[in-house]
């Protein structure tokens, strides 16, 4: 036994070593799981993306925001410090072009173009004024309030009497005229007629923008003046008519004539004729005004104070005859040069013989310093 002990010890050591080697072999085989070794690639993978829009027939074009949107960069591997550059967006030849929304510069250019167009329109209007200057010299009268005595006489009948007011004011390039007539009852005043004209004052003198008229027992009517489009819309006729520079309505015409005489009395020399477009009733028409020269009329006005008194007043008599082939009435207007050229008497003679007479019984002039 002593002789074989060293031999047994060597065999034991060999056995143990072989056993450990076999265990190591099997353990390594379990880790790899396959005999073909796989190399681990830690290099980050790159990805290329191609955008292609699929546009349906009824779908709107993509917005610039969708077109300009960029892809997020791929994640970077923890073991690598290199950052992969962002992939470029490549446009395919078959890709449908994207609609481009106007840039801010384009919008600004559009606004500038609109402004330039507006300036061009104004320049064209100014050129038109230069080509067609006013026919008459104009000087706007001072503000005034006038009280009227009104008589209405039908043919072969007793006249009826009433009272009225006429008001004119102008400031800051605008004007307003109001005329009212009615009868005084026991405890109240019954208004039978009222008209209002409003507009601006320009190189042509009085330029109406709106005229309204109401008579007792009738629906109110209105005329809207659009000078930019050279048209006037009549509510009574439910249609529009062309208008020219210097057009007047049934109320503004009295103070427009006053402004012509106030500027230069020579414009109303006896025999002179003025052709002025007038918008009244249901249409516009070129209307002829004839100067019949100077004339003294009986008046209740005191020339010194413009208050009630006795005597006569120097006037210039202007007449508007009826148009040929029409039933328009004849209108006679007496302007008083010594009283600011205001219309101190107006007479309307209808084709059937009915006469309406308005006479100023008192006036109060107001000097306007805000013009």
Protein backbone atom coordinates (compact mmCIF):
# COMPACT_ATOMS: atom_id res chain seq x y z
CA UNK A 1 0.00 0.00 0.00
CA UNK A 2 2.87 2.31 0.73
CA UNK A 3 4.31 1.69 -2.70
CA UNK A 4 1.00 2.50 -4.50
CA UNK A 5 0.08 5.60 -2.47
CA UNK A 6 2.12 8.08 -4.56
CA UNK A 7 0.63 6.59 -7.69
CA UNK A 8 -2.91 6.96 -6.35
CA UNK A 9 -2.26 10.55 -5.41
CA UNK A 10 -1.08 11.36 -8.95
CA UNK A 11 -4.17 9.69 -10.42
CA UNK A 12 -6.41 11.64 -8.09
CA UNK A 13 -4.86 14.94 -9.09
CA UNK A 14 -5.20 14.05 -12.78
CA UNK A 15 -8.82 13.06 -12.31
CA UNK A 16 -9.66 16.26 -10.55
CA UNK A 17 -7.94 18.33 -13.23
CA UNK A 18 -9.80 16.54 -16.05
CA UNK A 19 -13.06 17.03 -14.17
CA UNK A 20 -12.44 20.77 -13.75
CA UNK A 21 -11.53 21.11 -17.41
CA UNK A 22 -14.75 19.41 -18.47
CA UNK A 23 -16.79 21.66 -16.17
CA UNK A 24 -15.13 24.75 -17.59
CA UNK A 25 -15.84 23.56 -21.14
CA UNK A 26 -19.53 23.02 -20.48
CA UNK A 27 -19.86 26.29 -18.61
CA UNK A 28 -18.35 28.21 -21.53
CA UNK A 29 -20.62 26.40 -23.96
CA UNK A 30 -23.70 27.50 -21.96
CA UNK A 31 -22.63 31.16 -22.09
CA UNK A 32 -22.05 31.37 -25.87
CA UNK A 33 -25.03 29.06 -26.69
CA UNK A 34 -23.56 28.48 -30.17
CA UNK A 35 -20.31 27.41 -31.67
CA UNK A 36 -20.33 30.30 -34.23
CA UNK A 37 -19.06 33.38 -32.46
CA UNK A 38 -21.09 36.68 -33.00
CA UNK A 39 -19.27 39.97 -32.99
CA UNK A 40 -21.08 42.77 -31.06
CA UNK A 41 -21.22 45.98 -33.04
CA UNK A 42 -21.53 49.01 -30.80
CA UNK A 43 -21.49 51.43 -33.74
CA UNK A 44 -24.76 53.46 -33.76
CA UNK A 45 -27.04 52.64 -36.63
CA UNK A 46 -27.99 55.42 -39.02
CA UNK A 47 -31.40 55.75 -40.60
CA UNK A 48 -32.36 57.58 -43.76
CA UNK A 49 -35.95 58.73 -44.20
CA UNK A 50 -37.59 59.98 -47.36
CA UNK A 51 -40.70 62.20 -46.99
CA UNK A 52 -43.30 61.82 -49.70
CA UNK A 53 -46.67 63.55 -49.51
CA UNK A 54 -49.73 61.66 -50.53
CA UNK A 55 -52.22 64.38 -51.49
CA UNK A 56 -55.82 63.44 -52.06
CA UNK A 57 -57.90 65.36 -54.56
CA UNK A 58 -59.94 67.14 -51.91
CA UNK A 59 -57.22 67.40 -49.26
CA UNK A 60 -55.59 70.79 -48.68
CA UNK A 61 -51.89 71.25 -49.38
CA UNK A 62 -49.55 70.66 -46.42
CA UNK A 63 -48.64 73.70 -44.41
CA UNK A 64 -45.09 75.07 -44.42
CA UNK A 65 -44.75 73.90 -40.80
CA UNK A 66 -45.24 70.28 -41.88
CA UNK A 67 -42.78 70.74 -44.72
CA UNK A 68 -40.11 72.28 -42.54
CA UNK A 69 -40.41 69.79 -39.66
CA UNK A 70 -37.10 67.97 -39.01
CA UNK A 71 -36.54 64.43 -37.72
CA UNK A 72 -35.07 63.97 -34.26
CA UNK A 73 -31.48 62.61 -34.40
CA UNK A 74 -31.03 58.89 -33.62
CA UNK A 75 -29.98 58.00 -30.08
CA UNK A 76 -26.25 57.89 -29.40
CA UNK A 77 -24.76 54.69 -28.09
CA UNK A 78 -23.50 54.91 -24.49
CA UNK A 79 -20.18 53.47 -25.61
CA UNK A 80 -19.62 55.99 -28.35
CA UNK A 81 -19.10 59.75 -28.16
CA UNK A 82 -19.74 60.30 -31.90
CA UNK A 83 -22.98 62.02 -32.83
CA UNK A 84 -24.56 61.02 -36.09
CA UNK A 85 -25.48 64.06 -38.23
CA UNK A 86 -29.15 64.74 -38.91
CA UNK A 87 -30.36 62.99 -42.03
CA UNK A 88 -31.14 65.28 -44.96
CA UNK A 89 -34.68 65.41 -46.28
CA UNK A 90 -34.55 64.24 -49.83
CA UNK A 91 -37.23 65.25 -52.26
CA UNK A 92 -38.33 62.53 -54.58
CA UNK A 93 -38.84 63.43 -58.20
CA UNK A 94 -42.45 62.21 -58.01
CA UNK A 95 -43.28 64.08 -54.82
CA UNK A 96 -46.17 66.55 -55.18
CA UNK A 97 -44.98 70.14 -54.62
CA UNK A 98 -46.10 71.59 -51.30
CA UNK A 99 -48.24 74.76 -51.26
CA UNK A 100 -46.34 77.72 -49.87
CA UNK A 101 -48.15 80.09 -47.51
CA UNK A 102 -47.35 83.79 -48.09
CA UNK A 103 -44.40 84.91 -46.03
CA UNK A 104 -44.49 87.93 -43.75
CA UNK A 105 -42.68 89.89 -46.44
CA UNK A 106 -45.41 88.95 -48.94
CA UNK A 107 -48.12 90.13 -46.54
CA UNK A 108 -46.33 93.43 -46.01
CA UNK A 109 -45.98 93.80 -49.77
CA UNK A 110 -49.74 93.16 -50.16
CA UNK A 111 -50.51 95.90 -47.62
CA UNK A 112 -48.12 98.27 -49.39
CA UNK A 113 -49.76 97.44 -52.72
CA UNK A 114 -53.21 98.16 -51.26
CA UNK A 115 -51.95 101.47 -49.86
CA UNK A 116 -50.38 102.38 -53.18
CA UNK A 117 -53.64 101.54 -54.96
CA UNK A 118 -55.56 103.78 -52.57
CA UNK A 119 -53.07 106.58 -53.20
CA UNK A 120 -53.47 106.00 -56.93
CA UNK A 121 -57.25 106.31 -56.59
CA UNK A 122 -56.85 109.57 -54.71
CA UNK A 123 -54.41 110.83 -57.31
CA UNK A 124 -56.89 109.92 -60.04
CA UNK A 125 -59.63 111.79 -58.19
CA UNK A 126 -57.34 114.80 -57.82
CA UNK A 127 -56.54 114.63 -61.51
CA UNK A 128 -60.24 114.56 -62.27
CA UNK A 129 -60.73 117.66 -60.14
CA UNK A 130 -57.90 119.33 -62.00
CA UNK A 131 -59.55 118.51 -65.32
CA UNK A 132 -63.00 119.58 -64.14
CA UNK A 133 -62.58 122.62 -61.84
CA UNK A 134 -65.63 124.08 -60.11
CA UNK A 135 -67.77 126.17 -62.42
CA UNK A 136 -68.47 128.80 -59.76
CA UNK A 137 -66.50 130.57 -57.06
CA UNK A 138 -67.72 129.46 -53.62
CA UNK A 139 -67.79 131.13 -50.19
CA UNK A 140 -69.70 129.34 -47.46
CA UNK A 141 -72.20 131.56 -45.54
CA UNK A 142 -72.05 131.95 -41.77
CA UNK A 143 -74.26 129.82 -39.55
CA UNK A 144 -77.82 131.07 -39.18
CA UNK A 145 -81.22 130.30 -37.62
CA UNK A 146 -84.23 131.73 -39.46
CA UNK A 147 -87.92 131.80 -38.57
CA UNK A 148 -90.37 131.49 -41.44
CA UNK A 149 -93.92 132.51 -42.17
CA UNK A 150 -95.50 129.91 -44.50
CA UNK A 151 -98.63 130.26 -46.62
CA UNK A 152 -100.20 127.58 -48.79
CA UNK A 153 -102.75 128.65 -51.36
CA UNK A 154 -104.62 126.37 -53.74
CA UNK A 155 -106.15 127.77 -56.89
CA UNK A 156 -109.33 129.76 -56.13
CA UNK A 157 -109.18 128.84 -52.42
CA UNK A 158 -108.44 130.72 -49.21
CA UNK A 159 -104.79 130.43 -48.13
CA UNK A 160 -103.75 128.55 -45.02
CA UNK A 161 -100.92 129.80 -42.83
CA UNK A 162 -98.24 128.19 -40.78
CA UNK A 163 -94.78 128.66 -39.36
CA UNK A 164 -91.41 127.15 -40.03
CA UNK A 165 -87.71 127.18 -39.27
CA UNK A 166 -84.60 127.00 -41.41
CA UNK A 167 -81.25 126.15 -39.85
CA UNK A 168 -77.78 126.16 -41.47
CA UNK A 169 -74.48 125.31 -39.80
CA UNK A 170 -70.99 124.41 -41.02
CA UNK A 171 -67.85 123.43 -39.13
CA UNK A 172 -64.81 121.18 -39.49
CA UNK A 173 -65.53 120.61 -43.17
CA UNK A 174 -69.11 119.38 -42.56
CA UNK A 175 -72.52 120.99 -42.82
CA UNK A 176 -76.13 120.41 -41.82
CA UNK A 177 -79.35 121.99 -43.10
CA UNK A 178 -82.78 121.45 -41.59
CA UNK A 179 -86.08 122.91 -42.83
CA UNK A 180 -89.36 122.47 -41.01
CA UNK A 181 -92.87 123.76 -41.66
CA UNK A 182 -96.19 123.23 -39.92
CA UNK A 183 -99.22 124.88 -38.34
CA UNK A 184 -99.73 126.06 -34.80
CA UNK A 185 -102.72 124.47 -33.10
CA UNK A 186 -104.23 125.61 -29.84
CA UNK A 187 -101.67 123.94 -27.57
CA UNK A 188 -99.29 122.22 -29.99
CA UNK A 189 -97.47 122.55 -33.28
CA UNK A 190 -98.32 120.16 -36.08
CA UNK A 191 -95.34 119.50 -38.38
CA UNK A 192 -96.40 119.01 -41.98
CA UNK A 193 -93.01 118.96 -43.69
CA UNK A 194 -89.41 118.33 -42.65
CA UNK A 195 -86.18 117.87 -44.59
CA UNK A 196 -82.56 117.40 -43.51
CA UNK A 197 -79.45 117.59 -45.66
CA UNK A 198 -76.02 116.60 -44.34
CA UNK A 199 -72.63 116.36 -46.03
CA UNK A 200 -69.26 118.01 -46.41
CA UNK A 201 -67.84 121.28 -47.67
CA UNK A 202 -65.16 120.98 -50.36
CA UNK A 203 -63.85 122.67 -53.48
CA UNK A 204 -67.30 122.34 -55.07
CA UNK A 205 -68.96 124.07 -52.15
CA UNK A 206 -71.78 122.13 -50.51
CA UNK A 207 -71.53 118.40 -51.22
CA UNK A 208 -74.49 116.43 -49.81
CA UNK A 209 -74.04 112.89 -48.55
CA UNK A 210 -77.54 112.21 -47.19
CA UNK A 211 -80.92 113.83 -47.70
CA UNK A 212 -84.10 112.82 -45.89
CA UNK A 213 -87.61 114.17 -46.35
CA UNK A 214 -90.88 113.50 -44.57
CA UNK A 215 -94.38 114.81 -45.18
CA UNK A 216 -97.40 114.23 -42.99
CA UNK A 217 -99.37 111.24 -44.22
CA UNK A 218 -96.52 109.92 -46.43
CA UNK A 219 -93.62 107.57 -45.87
CA UNK A 220 -90.24 109.22 -45.32
CA UNK A 221 -87.81 109.11 -48.23
CA UNK A 222 -84.01 109.32 -48.43
CA UNK A 223 -81.26 109.91 -50.96
CA UNK A 224 -77.76 108.47 -50.35
CA UNK A 225 -74.94 110.14 -52.28
CA UNK A 226 -71.86 108.06 -53.15
CA UNK A 227 -69.42 110.54 -54.68
CA UNK A 228 -66.65 107.98 -55.07
CA UNK A 229 -68.82 105.87 -57.36
CA UNK A 230 -70.65 108.94 -58.75
CA UNK A 231 -74.11 107.59 -57.95
CA UNK A 232 -77.11 108.49 -55.77
CA UNK A 233 -79.56 105.90 -54.43
CA UNK A 234 -83.20 107.02 -54.12
CA UNK A 235 -85.33 105.11 -51.64
CA UNK A 236 -88.49 106.48 -53.28
CA UNK A 237 -87.54 104.95 -56.64
CA UNK A 238 -85.53 102.03 -55.23
CA UNK A 239 -82.79 102.64 -57.79
CA UNK A 240 -79.61 104.67 -58.32
CA UNK A 241 -78.79 107.49 -60.71
CA UNK A 242 -75.41 108.85 -61.87
CA UNK A 243 -74.28 112.10 -60.26
CA UNK A 244 -71.64 114.71 -61.08
CA UNK A 245 -69.44 116.96 -58.99
CA UNK A 246 -71.50 119.81 -57.56
CA UNK A 247 -74.80 117.88 -57.34
CA UNK A 248 -77.33 119.32 -54.86
CA UNK A 249 -80.50 118.17 -53.12
CA UNK A 250 -83.80 119.99 -52.50
CA UNK A 251 -82.51 121.61 -49.27
CA UNK A 252 -78.83 122.23 -49.99
CA UNK A 253 -79.54 124.07 -53.25
CA UNK A 254 -80.70 127.21 -51.38
CA UNK A 255 -77.42 127.64 -49.47
CA UNK A 256 -75.35 126.49 -52.43
CA UNK A 257 -76.79 129.40 -54.42
CA UNK A 258 -76.15 131.67 -51.44
CA UNK A 259 -72.48 130.58 -51.37
CA UNK A 260 -72.12 131.45 -55.09
CA UNK A 261 -73.47 134.98 -54.60
CA UNK A 262 -71.51 135.38 -51.35
CA UNK A 263 -68.27 134.58 -53.21
CA UNK A 264 -68.88 136.96 -56.15
CA UNK A 265 -72.07 138.92 -56.86
CA UNK A 266 -71.08 139.18 -60.53
CA UNK A 267 -71.93 135.50 -60.92
CA UNK A 268 -75.59 136.54 -60.57
CA UNK A 269 -75.67 139.32 -63.13
CA UNK A 270 -79.10 139.63 -64.73
CA UNK A 271 -79.48 137.06 -67.50
CA UNK A 272 -76.76 134.70 -66.23
CA UNK A 273 -77.72 131.02 -66.25
CA UNK A 274 -76.32 128.33 -63.99
CA UNK A 275 -76.74 124.64 -64.72
CA UNK A 276 -76.63 122.55 -61.54
CA UNK A 277 -77.47 118.88 -61.17
CA UNK A 278 -80.33 118.47 -58.72
CA UNK A 279 -81.41 115.30 -56.92
CA UNK A 280 -85.03 115.57 -55.86
CA UNK A 281 -88.15 113.45 -55.85
CA UNK A 282 -87.29 110.22 -57.64
CA UNK A 283 -84.44 111.20 -59.98
CA UNK A 284 -81.51 113.48 -60.79
CA UNK A 285 -81.56 116.07 -63.56
CA UNK A 286 -79.53 119.01 -64.82
CA UNK A 287 -81.47 122.02 -63.63
CA UNK A 288 -81.31 125.53 -65.03
CA UNK A 289 -81.22 128.53 -62.67
CA UNK A 290 -81.66 131.97 -64.22
CA UNK A 291 -80.70 135.24 -62.55
CA UNK A 292 -83.51 137.78 -63.01
CA UNK A 293 -81.38 140.54 -61.48
CA UNK A 294 -81.84 142.79 -58.45
CA UNK A 295 -85.25 143.26 -56.90
CA UNK A 296 -86.69 144.90 -53.79
CA UNK A 297 -89.24 142.87 -51.85
CA UNK A 298 -91.44 143.65 -48.87
CA UNK A 299 -90.01 142.06 -45.77
CA UNK A 300 -90.54 141.98 -42.04
CA UNK A 301 -86.76 142.03 -41.51
CA UNK A 302 -84.86 144.97 -40.05
CA UNK A 303 -81.70 145.41 -42.11
CA UNK A 304 -79.62 146.55 -39.16
CA UNK A 305 -80.34 143.79 -36.65
CA UNK A 306 -82.07 141.11 -38.67
CA UNK A 307 -85.05 141.27 -36.33
CA UNK A 308 -88.72 141.89 -37.02
CA UNK A 309 -89.40 145.30 -38.59
CA UNK A 310 -91.04 147.07 -41.53
CA UNK A 311 -89.63 147.98 -44.92
CA UNK A 312 -88.10 146.45 -47.99
CA UNK A 313 -85.03 144.31 -48.59
CA UNK A 314 -82.63 144.37 -51.55
CA UNK A 315 -82.46 140.94 -53.13
CA UNK A 316 -81.24 139.05 -56.18
CA UNK A 317 -84.06 137.07 -57.79
CA UNK A 318 -83.14 133.54 -58.99
CA UNK A 319 -85.68 131.39 -60.82
CA UNK A 320 -85.75 127.71 -61.62
CA UNK A 321 -88.22 127.16 -64.49
CA UNK A 322 -89.82 123.73 -64.95
CA UNK A 323 -88.08 121.32 -67.27
CA UNK A 324 -89.60 120.89 -70.70
CA UNK A 325 -91.92 117.90 -70.86
CA UNK A 326 -92.16 117.56 -67.08
CA UNK A 327 -94.59 118.53 -64.36
CA UNK A 328 -91.96 120.10 -62.12
CA UNK A 329 -92.95 123.27 -60.37
CA UNK A 330 -91.39 126.69 -60.79
CA UNK A 331 -89.22 127.82 -57.87
CA UNK A 332 -88.33 131.45 -57.20
CA UNK A 333 -85.58 132.28 -54.69
CA UNK A 334 -84.73 135.72 -53.36
CA UNK A 335 -81.20 136.05 -51.91
CA UNK A 336 -80.35 139.06 -49.71
CA UNK A 337 -76.78 140.38 -50.31
CA UNK A 338 -77.09 142.78 -47.36
CA UNK A 339 -78.02 139.90 -45.04
CA UNK A 340 -75.28 137.39 -45.78
CA UNK A 341 -76.88 136.24 -49.06
CA UNK A 342 -79.38 134.10 -47.17
CA UNK A 343 -82.57 132.98 -48.99
CA UNK A 344 -85.06 135.34 -47.35
CA UNK A 345 -87.99 134.32 -49.56
CA UNK A 346 -88.84 131.12 -51.47
CA UNK A 347 -91.91 130.56 -53.63
CA UNK A 348 -92.99 127.23 -55.12
CA UNK A 349 -95.60 127.36 -57.89
CA UNK A 350 -96.94 123.97 -58.93
CA UNK A 351 -98.26 123.16 -62.37
CA UNK A 352 -101.84 123.07 -61.04
CA UNK A 353 -101.57 126.64 -59.71
CA UNK A 354 -100.97 125.85 -56.02
CA UNK A 355 -98.51 128.29 -54.42
CA UNK A 356 -96.44 127.79 -51.30
CA UNK A 357 -94.61 130.89 -50.02
CA UNK A 358 -91.93 130.95 -47.30
CA UNK A 359 -90.84 134.34 -45.97
CA UNK A 360 -88.14 134.87 -43.36
CA UNK A 361 -89.50 136.93 -40.46
CA UNK A 362 -86.36 136.91 -38.32
CA UNK A 363 -82.82 135.57 -38.51
CA UNK A 364 -79.98 135.12 -36.09
CA UNK A 365 -76.54 134.87 -37.61
CA UNK A 366 -73.78 132.98 -35.77
CA UNK A 367 -70.17 133.73 -36.61
CA UNK A 368 -68.33 130.41 -36.66
CA UNK A 369 -64.64 130.59 -35.77
CA UNK A 370 -64.10 126.78 -36.00
CA UNK A 371 -64.10 126.56 -39.80
